[in-house]
Amino acid sequence: MGEEERKLKMAIKWLEERWAVLLPALEPLGREQEEQIRALCEAEIAWWRQRPGLSARSLGTPMTLTRNRIREVLLVGEENSWINPRVGSAGTCGTQIFEFF
């Protein structure tokens, strides 16, 4: 196993633990609660930044993995969707925060 693969496996392990809390908190929220969504996501990213060995430049991997996990788990509906202007596709409000942070 290469160094990059080992790092990715380690990232996924701690992220899965974080997702177990974050995703259920985001699930019932929609556009009407955008400030609450932003606060949850910003708090999560702040927690990541406190992890030893995780620099600002290394946030890309957890951001991408979290954005992808949100897409896999949370259904996009009329109440919680936004359109990503870069790609023109719909996502949940949570993916918006992890897209532009």
N, C-alpha and C. Protein backbone atom coordinates (compact mmCIF):
# COMPACT_ATOMS: atom_id res chain seq x y z
N MET A 1 0.86 -1.17 0.00
CA MET A 1 0.00 0.00 0.00
C MET A 1 0.91 1.24 0.00
N GLY A 2 0.64 2.14 -0.91
CA GLY A 2 1.42 3.37 -1.02
C GLY A 2 1.04 4.38 0.05
N GLU A 3 1.87 5.39 0.20
CA GLU A 3 1.66 6.42 1.21
C GLU A 3 0.34 7.17 0.98
N GLU A 4 0.03 7.51 -0.26
CA GLU A 4 -1.22 8.24 -0.56
C GLU A 4 -2.44 7.38 -0.22
N GLU A 5 -2.38 6.12 -0.55
CA GLU A 5 -3.50 5.22 -0.26
C GLU A 5 -3.70 5.07 1.25
N ARG A 6 -2.60 4.99 1.99
CA ARG A 6 -2.66 4.87 3.44
C ARG A 6 -3.29 6.13 4.04
N LYS A 7 -2.89 7.30 3.55
CA LYS A 7 -3.45 8.56 4.03
C LYS A 7 -4.94 8.64 3.75
N LEU A 8 -5.35 8.19 2.56
CA LEU A 8 -6.76 8.23 2.19
C LEU A 8 -7.57 7.32 3.11
N LYS A 9 -7.07 6.14 3.41
CA LYS A 9 -7.79 5.22 4.31
C LYS A 9 -7.93 5.82 5.70
N MET A 10 -6.86 6.47 6.18
CA MET A 10 -6.92 7.11 7.49
C MET A 10 -7.93 8.26 7.48
N ALA A 11 -7.95 9.04 6.40
CA ALA A 11 -8.90 10.14 6.28
C ALA A 11 -10.33 9.63 6.30
N ILE A 12 -10.57 8.58 5.57
CA ILE A 12 -11.93 8.03 5.51
C ILE A 12 -12.37 7.53 6.88
N LYS A 13 -11.48 6.93 7.63
CA LYS A 13 -11.83 6.40 8.94
C LYS A 13 -12.33 7.50 9.88
N TRP A 14 -11.56 8.58 10.04
CA TRP A 14 -12.02 9.62 10.95
C TRP A 14 -13.20 10.40 10.37
N LEU A 15 -13.26 10.51 9.04
CA LEU A 15 -14.40 11.20 8.43
C LEU A 15 -15.69 10.42 8.63
N GLU A 16 -15.62 9.11 8.53
CA GLU A 16 -16.83 8.30 8.74
C GLU A 16 -17.40 8.53 10.13
N GLU A 17 -16.51 8.67 11.11
CA GLU A 17 -16.97 8.96 12.47
C GLU A 17 -17.64 10.33 12.54
N ARG A 18 -17.09 11.30 11.84
CA ARG A 18 -17.66 12.64 11.82
C ARG A 18 -18.99 12.65 11.05
N TRP A 19 -19.02 11.92 9.92
CA TRP A 19 -20.25 11.87 9.12
C TRP A 19 -21.41 11.28 9.91
N ALA A 20 -21.13 10.36 10.82
CA ALA A 20 -22.19 9.74 11.62
C ALA A 20 -22.96 10.77 12.43
N VAL A 21 -22.34 11.91 12.71
CA VAL A 21 -23.00 12.99 13.45
C VAL A 21 -23.51 14.07 12.49
N LEU A 22 -22.66 14.46 11.54
CA LEU A 22 -22.99 15.56 10.64
C LEU A 22 -24.18 15.25 9.72
N LEU A 23 -24.17 14.12 9.06
CA LEU A 23 -25.21 13.83 8.06
C LEU A 23 -26.61 13.76 8.66
N PRO A 24 -26.81 13.09 9.81
CA PRO A 24 -28.16 13.13 10.39
C PRO A 24 -28.59 14.54 10.80
N ALA A 25 -27.62 15.39 11.18
CA ALA A 25 -27.97 16.77 11.54
C ALA A 25 -28.38 17.57 10.31
N LEU A 26 -27.77 17.30 9.17
CA LEU A 26 -28.08 18.03 7.93
C LEU A 26 -29.36 17.52 7.25
N GLU A 27 -29.66 16.26 7.43
CA GLU A 27 -30.75 15.63 6.68
C GLU A 27 -32.09 16.36 6.73
N PRO A 28 -32.58 16.79 7.89
CA PRO A 28 -33.90 17.43 7.89
C PRO A 28 -33.90 18.90 7.47
N LEU A 29 -32.73 19.47 7.25
CA LEU A 29 -32.64 20.90 6.98
C LEU A 29 -32.77 21.22 5.50
N GLY A 30 -33.33 22.38 5.21
CA GLY A 30 -33.51 22.82 3.83
C GLY A 30 -33.10 24.26 3.65
N ARG A 31 -33.51 24.84 2.54
CA ARG A 31 -33.12 26.22 2.23
C ARG A 31 -33.55 27.21 3.31
N GLU A 32 -34.66 26.94 3.97
CA GLU A 32 -35.14 27.83 5.03
C GLU A 32 -34.19 27.86 6.22
N GLN A 33 -33.39 26.83 6.38
CA GLN A 33 -32.44 26.74 7.49
C GLN A 33 -30.99 26.88 7.00
N GLU A 34 -30.79 27.64 5.95
CA GLU A 34 -29.46 27.76 5.36
C GLU A 34 -28.41 28.24 6.36
N GLU A 35 -28.76 29.16 7.24
CA GLU A 35 -27.80 29.64 8.24
C GLU A 35 -27.42 28.52 9.20
N GLN A 36 -28.38 27.69 9.57
CA GLN A 36 -28.09 26.56 10.45
C GLN A 36 -27.18 25.55 9.73
N ILE A 37 -27.44 25.31 8.46
CA ILE A 37 -26.60 24.41 7.66
C ILE A 37 -25.19 24.96 7.60
N ARG A 38 -25.07 26.24 7.30
CA ARG A 38 -23.75 26.87 7.22
C ARG A 38 -23.01 26.75 8.55
N ALA A 39 -23.72 27.00 9.66
CA ALA A 39 -23.08 26.92 10.98
C ALA A 39 -22.60 25.50 11.27
N LEU A 40 -23.40 24.50 10.95
CA LEU A 40 -22.99 23.11 11.16
C LEU A 40 -21.75 22.77 10.34
N CYS A 41 -21.78 23.15 9.07
CA CYS A 41 -20.67 22.83 8.17
C CYS A 41 -19.40 23.58 8.55
N GLU A 42 -19.54 24.85 8.91
CA GLU A 42 -18.37 25.63 9.32
C GLU A 42 -17.78 25.09 10.62
N ALA A 43 -18.64 24.65 11.54
CA ALA A 43 -18.15 24.05 12.79
C ALA A 43 -17.41 22.75 12.48
N GLU A 44 -17.92 21.98 11.55
CA GLU A 44 -17.26 20.73 11.17
C GLU A 44 -15.87 21.01 10.59
N ILE A 45 -15.79 21.96 9.69
CA ILE A 45 -14.50 22.30 9.07
C ILE A 45 -13.54 22.86 10.12
N ALA A 46 -14.05 23.63 11.06
CA ALA A 46 -13.20 24.13 12.15
C ALA A 46 -12.65 22.97 12.97
N TRP A 47 -13.47 21.95 13.21
CA TRP A 47 -13.01 20.76 13.94
C TRP A 47 -11.89 20.09 13.17
N TRP A 48 -12.06 19.97 11.85
CA TRP A 48 -11.02 19.35 11.02
C TRP A 48 -9.70 20.09 11.18
N ARG A 49 -9.78 21.40 11.17
CA ARG A 49 -8.56 22.22 11.24
C ARG A 49 -7.81 22.03 12.55
N GLN A 50 -8.49 21.57 13.58
CA GLN A 50 -7.86 21.32 14.87
C GLN A 50 -7.16 19.97 14.93
N ARG A 51 -7.39 19.13 13.93
CA ARG A 51 -6.75 17.81 13.91
C ARG A 51 -5.25 17.97 13.72
N PRO A 52 -4.47 17.26 14.51
CA PRO A 52 -3.01 17.31 14.31
C PRO A 52 -2.64 16.81 12.91
N GLY A 53 -1.74 17.51 12.29
CA GLY A 53 -1.24 17.09 10.98
C GLY A 53 -2.10 17.47 9.80
N LEU A 54 -3.22 18.13 10.04
CA LEU A 54 -4.10 18.52 8.94
C LEU A 54 -3.92 20.02 8.69
N SER A 55 -3.31 20.37 7.58
CA SER A 55 -3.07 21.77 7.26
C SER A 55 -4.18 22.30 6.37
N ALA A 56 -4.19 23.60 6.17
CA ALA A 56 -5.20 24.22 5.30
C ALA A 56 -5.14 23.63 3.89
N ARG A 57 -3.92 23.34 3.42
CA ARG A 57 -3.78 22.77 2.08
C ARG A 57 -4.29 21.34 1.99
N SER A 58 -4.33 20.64 3.12
CA SER A 58 -4.78 19.25 3.08
C SER A 58 -6.28 19.11 3.34
N LEU A 59 -7.00 20.21 3.37
CA LEU A 59 -8.46 20.15 3.56
C LEU A 59 -9.18 19.67 2.30
N GLY A 60 -8.52 19.70 1.17
CA GLY A 60 -9.17 19.33 -0.09
C GLY A 60 -9.75 17.93 -0.07
N THR A 61 -9.00 16.98 0.44
CA THR A 61 -9.48 15.59 0.45
C THR A 61 -10.71 15.42 1.33
N PRO A 62 -10.69 15.87 2.60
CA PRO A 62 -11.91 15.71 3.39
C PRO A 62 -13.09 16.50 2.83
N MET A 63 -12.82 17.67 2.22
CA MET A 63 -13.91 18.45 1.62
C MET A 63 -14.56 17.65 0.50
N THR A 64 -13.73 17.11 -0.40
CA THR A 64 -14.25 16.35 -1.53
C THR A 64 -14.98 15.10 -1.07
N LEU A 65 -14.39 14.35 -0.14
CA LEU A 65 -15.01 13.13 0.36
C LEU A 65 -16.34 13.42 1.06
N THR A 66 -16.38 14.51 1.82
CA THR A 66 -17.62 14.86 2.51
C THR A 66 -18.70 15.31 1.53
N ARG A 67 -18.32 16.12 0.57
CA ARG A 67 -19.26 16.55 -0.46
C ARG A 67 -19.84 15.34 -1.19
N ASN A 68 -18.98 14.39 -1.55
CA ASN A 68 -19.44 13.19 -2.25
C ASN A 68 -20.34 12.33 -1.36
N ARG A 69 -19.99 12.24 -0.08
CA ARG A 69 -20.81 11.44 0.85
C ARG A 69 -22.19 12.07 1.03
N ILE A 70 -22.23 13.40 1.13
CA ILE A 70 -23.53 14.08 1.23
C ILE A 70 -24.37 13.76 0.00
N ARG A 71 -23.76 13.80 -1.17
CA ARG A 71 -24.50 13.47 -2.42
C ARG A 71 -25.02 12.05 -2.41
N GLU A 72 -24.25 11.13 -1.83
CA GLU A 72 -24.66 9.72 -1.79
C GLU A 72 -25.81 9.47 -0.81
N VAL A 73 -25.81 10.18 0.31
CA VAL A 73 -26.71 9.87 1.41
C VAL A 73 -27.97 10.73 1.44
N LEU A 74 -27.82 12.02 1.21
CA LEU A 74 -28.96 12.92 1.34
C LEU A 74 -29.66 13.11 -0.01
N LEU A 75 -30.95 12.91 0.00
CA LEU A 75 -31.73 13.07 -1.22
C LEU A 75 -31.92 14.55 -1.54
N VAL A 76 -31.80 14.89 -2.80
CA VAL A 76 -32.03 16.26 -3.25
C VAL A 76 -33.53 16.42 -3.50
N GLY A 77 -34.12 17.41 -2.86
CA GLY A 77 -35.53 17.69 -3.03
C GLY A 77 -35.76 19.17 -3.23
N GLU A 78 -36.99 19.52 -3.44
CA GLU A 78 -37.33 20.92 -3.69
C GLU A 78 -36.94 21.83 -2.53
N GLU A 79 -37.05 21.32 -1.31
CA GLU A 79 -36.80 22.14 -0.13
C GLU A 79 -35.33 22.27 0.25
N ASN A 80 -34.47 21.38 -0.26
CA ASN A 80 -33.07 21.41 0.19
C ASN A 80 -32.07 21.51 -0.95
N SER A 81 -32.51 21.91 -2.13
CA SER A 81 -31.62 21.89 -3.28
C SER A 81 -31.07 23.27 -3.64
N TRP A 82 -29.98 23.25 -4.33
CA TRP A 82 -29.38 24.44 -4.93
C TRP A 82 -28.72 23.97 -6.22
N ILE A 83 -28.48 24.88 -7.13
CA ILE A 83 -27.83 24.55 -8.39
C ILE A 83 -26.40 25.05 -8.35
N ASN A 84 -25.46 24.15 -8.55
CA ASN A 84 -24.05 24.51 -8.59
C ASN A 84 -23.80 25.25 -9.90
N PRO A 85 -23.45 26.54 -9.84
CA PRO A 85 -23.29 27.31 -11.07
C PRO A 85 -22.10 26.87 -11.92
N ARG A 86 -21.11 26.23 -11.30
CA ARG A 86 -19.94 25.79 -12.07
C ARG A 86 -20.25 24.62 -12.99
N VAL A 87 -21.11 23.72 -12.52
CA VAL A 87 -21.40 22.52 -13.33
C VAL A 87 -22.86 22.41 -13.74
N GLY A 88 -23.72 23.25 -13.16
CA GLY A 88 -25.12 23.26 -13.55
C GLY A 88 -25.93 22.11 -12.99
N SER A 89 -25.41 21.39 -12.00
CA SER A 89 -26.16 20.27 -11.43
C SER A 89 -26.70 20.63 -10.06
N ALA A 90 -27.76 19.90 -9.67
CA ALA A 90 -28.39 20.14 -8.38
C ALA A 90 -27.65 19.37 -7.29
N GLY A 91 -27.67 19.94 -6.10
CA GLY A 91 -27.11 19.29 -4.92
C GLY A 91 -27.88 19.76 -3.71
N THR A 92 -27.59 19.18 -2.56
CA THR A 92 -28.25 19.65 -1.35
C THR A 92 -27.54 20.91 -0.85
N CYS A 93 -28.19 21.63 0.02
CA CYS A 93 -27.60 22.86 0.56
C CYS A 93 -26.28 22.57 1.27
N GLY A 94 -26.14 21.40 1.87
CA GLY A 94 -24.89 21.03 2.53
C GLY A 94 -23.72 20.94 1.58
N THR A 95 -23.96 20.44 0.37
CA THR A 95 -22.86 20.35 -0.58
C THR A 95 -22.39 21.74 -0.99
N GLN A 96 -23.29 22.71 -0.95
CA GLN A 96 -22.92 24.08 -1.31
C GLN A 96 -21.84 24.60 -0.38
N ILE A 97 -21.96 24.37 0.91
CA ILE A 97 -21.00 24.87 1.87
C ILE A 97 -19.63 24.21 1.62
N PHE A 98 -19.61 22.91 1.41
CA PHE A 98 -18.36 22.21 1.21
C PHE A 98 -17.79 22.46 -0.19
N GLU A 99 -18.59 23.00 -1.07
CA GLU A 99 -18.14 23.34 -2.42
C GLU A 99 -17.30 24.61 -2.44
N PHE A 100 -17.73 25.61 -1.71
CA PHE A 100 -17.13 26.94 -1.83
C PHE A 100 -16.26 27.34 -0.66
N PHE A 101 -16.17 26.54 0.36
CA PHE A 101 -15.42 26.92 1.56
C PHE A 101 -13.95 27.00 1.27
